[in-house]
Amino acid sequence: MSRGVPEPKLTAMDAMIDKLTGAIFLFQLTVVVVLGAAGNVWKDMEARKVVLLVNFLIVSYILAPLLLVCWGPAKIFARCKFLSQTTTEMIEFIVHLFS
């Protein structure tokens, strides 16, 4: 005449361990969500920095030499008002040595 499986009776210590386990799980879940969101934001910011760096390198090392070769250093440096005539002549001489 069994009425089914009896409900387990937990001691006070077992009940406290169960509550503590649930609290630790929720804390870990919260930490994962917060740090995951922070990591996504940080990754996005770093990706933008990398894109800016790549764009800078493309302009600096590919387009600038092409501009120098195609347009000519004399025309470029003639437009630089802050360079003195001597500096412009020195730059043209150095470019002439390597071309």
C-alpha atoms as a PDB file:
ATOM      1  CA  MET A   1       0.000   0.000   0.000  1.00  0.00           C
ATOM      2  CA  SER A   2       2.635   2.405  -1.041  1.00  0.00           C
ATOM      3  CA  ARG A   3       1.553   5.887  -1.976  1.00  0.00           C
ATOM      4  CA  GLY A   4       4.599   6.546  -4.184  1.00  0.00           C
ATOM      5  CA  VAL A   5       8.074   7.760  -3.522  1.00  0.00           C
ATOM      6  CA  PRO A   6       8.257   9.864  -0.384  1.00  0.00           C
ATOM      7  CA  GLU A   7       9.586  13.415  -0.636  1.00  0.00           C
ATOM      8  CA  PRO A   8      13.216  13.553   0.453  1.00  0.00           C
ATOM      9  CA  LYS A   9      13.803  15.367   3.698  1.00  0.00           C
ATOM     10  CA  LEU A  10      16.839  17.621   3.517  1.00  0.00           C
ATOM     11  CA  THR A  11      18.797  18.630   6.510  1.00  0.00           C
ATOM     12  CA  ALA A  12      19.384  22.329   7.101  1.00  0.00           C
ATOM     13  CA  MET A  13      22.940  21.962   5.776  1.00  0.00           C
ATOM     14  CA  ASP A  14      21.753  20.269   2.569  1.00  0.00           C
ATOM     15  CA  ALA A  15      19.198  23.044   1.982  1.00  0.00           C
ATOM     16  CA  MET A  16      21.886  25.691   2.483  1.00  0.00           C
ATOM     17  CA  ILE A  17      24.226  23.882   0.057  1.00  0.00           C
ATOM     18  CA  ASP A  18      21.469  23.772  -2.566  1.00  0.00           C
ATOM     19  CA  LYS A  19      20.798  27.521  -2.206  1.00  0.00           C
ATOM     20  CA  LEU A  20      24.522  28.300  -2.317  1.00  0.00           C
ATOM     21  CA  THR A  21      24.953  26.174  -5.453  1.00  0.00           C
ATOM     22  CA  GLY A  22      22.120  28.070  -7.171  1.00  0.00           C
ATOM     23  CA  ALA A  23      23.590  31.425  -6.141  1.00  0.00           C
ATOM     24  CA  ILE A  24      27.057  30.458  -7.439  1.00  0.00           C
ATOM     25  CA  PHE A  25      25.550  29.336 -10.741  1.00  0.00           C
ATOM     26  CA  LEU A  26      23.689  32.638 -11.183  1.00  0.00           C
ATOM     27  CA  PHE A  27      26.841  34.586 -10.279  1.00  0.00           C
ATOM     28  CA  GLN A  28      28.879  32.677 -12.872  1.00  0.00           C
ATOM     29  CA  LEU A  29      26.195  33.207 -15.489  1.00  0.00           C
ATOM     30  CA  THR A  30      26.162  36.957 -14.765  1.00  0.00           C
ATOM     31  CA  VAL A  31      29.967  37.160 -14.988  1.00  0.00           C
ATOM     32  CA  VAL A  32      29.945  35.326 -18.328  1.00  0.00           C
ATOM     33  CA  VAL A  33      27.300  37.640 -19.789  1.00  0.00           C
ATOM     34  CA  VAL A  34      29.007  40.838 -18.569  1.00  0.00           C
ATOM     35  CA  LEU A  35      32.516  39.825 -19.636  1.00  0.00           C
ATOM     36  CA  GLY A  36      31.215  38.487 -22.954  1.00  0.00           C
ATOM     37  CA  ALA A  37      29.557  41.822 -23.745  1.00  0.00           C
ATOM     38  CA  ALA A  38      32.680  43.722 -22.657  1.00  0.00           C
ATOM     39  CA  GLY A  39      34.822  41.461 -24.856  1.00  0.00           C
ATOM     40  CA  ASN A  40      32.618  42.126 -27.876  1.00  0.00           C
ATOM     41  CA  VAL A  41      32.872  45.891 -27.333  1.00  0.00           C
ATOM     42  CA  TRP A  42      36.647  45.684 -26.888  1.00  0.00           C
ATOM     43  CA  LYS A  43      37.029  43.503 -29.992  1.00  0.00           C
ATOM     44  CA  ASP A  44      35.000  45.996 -32.024  1.00  0.00           C
ATOM     45  CA  MET A  45      37.180  48.889 -30.813  1.00  0.00           C
ATOM     46  CA  GLU A  46      40.393  46.994 -31.602  1.00  0.00           C
ATOM     47  CA  ALA A  47      39.067  46.030 -35.038  1.00  0.00           C
ATOM     48  CA  ARG A  48      38.487  49.719 -35.814  1.00  0.00           C
ATOM     49  CA  LYS A  49      42.063  50.485 -34.770  1.00  0.00           C
ATOM     50  CA  VAL A  50      43.360  47.739 -37.055  1.00  0.00           C
ATOM     51  CA  VAL A  51      41.306  49.083 -39.963  1.00  0.00           C
ATOM     52  CA  LEU A  52      42.726  52.572 -39.379  1.00  0.00           C
ATOM     53  CA  LEU A  53      46.249  51.142 -39.217  1.00  0.00           C
ATOM     54  CA  VAL A  54      45.778  49.174 -42.434  1.00  0.00           C
ATOM     55  CA  ASN A  55      44.405  52.250 -44.184  1.00  0.00           C
ATOM     56  CA  PHE A  56      47.366  54.293 -42.962  1.00  0.00           C
ATOM     57  CA  LEU A  57      49.836  51.674 -44.186  1.00  0.00           C
ATOM     58  CA  ILE A  58      48.136  51.485 -47.581  1.00  0.00           C
ATOM     59  CA  VAL A  59      48.298  55.246 -47.988  1.00  0.00           C
ATOM     60  CA  SER A  60      51.822  55.516 -46.601  1.00  0.00           C
ATOM     61  CA  TYR A  61      53.550  52.667 -48.375  1.00  0.00           C
ATOM     62  CA  ILE A  62      51.587  52.208 -51.592  1.00  0.00           C
ATOM     63  CA  LEU A  63      49.903  55.437 -52.612  1.00  0.00           C
ATOM     64  CA  ALA A  64      52.571  57.899 -51.475  1.00  0.00           C
ATOM     65  CA  PRO A  65      55.398  56.321 -53.540  1.00  0.00           C
ATOM     66  CA  LEU A  66      53.069  56.077 -56.531  1.00  0.00           C
ATOM     67  CA  LEU A  67      52.274  59.745 -56.128  1.00  0.00           C
ATOM     68  CA  LEU A  68      55.972  60.575 -55.969  1.00  0.00           C
ATOM     69  CA  VAL A  69      56.751  58.543 -59.070  1.00  0.00           C
ATOM     70  CA  CYS A  70      53.786  59.699 -61.128  1.00  0.00           C
ATOM     71  CA  TRP A  71      53.556  63.345 -60.183  1.00  0.00           C
ATOM     72  CA  GLY A  72      57.199  64.001 -59.571  1.00  0.00           C
ATOM     73  CA  PRO A  73      58.946  65.210 -56.452  1.00  0.00           C
ATOM     74  CA  ALA A  74      59.629  68.655 -57.856  1.00  0.00           C
ATOM     75  CA  LYS A  75      55.926  69.449 -58.180  1.00  0.00           C
ATOM     76  CA  ILE A  76      55.103  68.015 -54.765  1.00  0.00           C
ATOM     77  CA  PHE A  77      57.868  69.787 -52.877  1.00  0.00           C
ATOM     78  CA  ALA A  78      57.354  73.025 -54.785  1.00  0.00           C
ATOM     79  CA  ARG A  79      53.913  73.244 -53.163  1.00  0.00           C
ATOM     80  CA  CYS A  80      55.387  72.912 -49.652  1.00  0.00           C
ATOM     81  CA  LYS A  81      55.591  76.502 -48.453  1.00  0.00           C
ATOM     82  CA  PHE A  82      57.333  75.566 -45.201  1.00  0.00           C
ATOM     83  CA  LEU A  83      60.371  74.087 -46.973  1.00  0.00           C
ATOM     84  CA  SER A  84      63.163  76.429 -47.836  1.00  0.00           C
ATOM     85  CA  GLN A  85      64.680  76.479 -51.302  1.00  0.00           C
ATOM     86  CA  THR A  86      67.805  74.705 -50.022  1.00  0.00           C
ATOM     87  CA  THR A  87      65.762  71.915 -48.474  1.00  0.00           C
ATOM     88  CA  THR A  88      63.796  71.469 -51.678  1.00  0.00           C
ATOM     89  CA  GLU A  89      67.012  71.271 -53.692  1.00  0.00           C
ATOM     90  CA  MET A  90      68.474  68.724 -51.279  1.00  0.00           C
ATOM     91  CA  ILE A  91      65.368  66.544 -51.539  1.00  0.00           C
ATOM     92  CA  GLU A  92      65.444  66.722 -55.334  1.00  0.00           C
ATOM     93  CA  PHE A  93      69.133  65.793 -55.305  1.00  0.00           C
ATOM     94  CA  ILE A  94      68.532  62.760 -53.052  1.00  0.00           C
ATOM     95  CA  VAL A  95      65.600  61.632 -55.216  1.00  0.00           C
ATOM     96  CA  HIS A  96      67.799  62.039 -58.301  1.00  0.00           C
ATOM     97  CA  LEU A  97      70.532  59.879 -56.738  1.00  0.00           C
ATOM     98  CA  PHE A  98      68.167  56.964 -56.151  1.00  0.00           C
ATOM     99  CA  SER A  99      66.224  57.160 -59.405  1.00  0.00           C
END
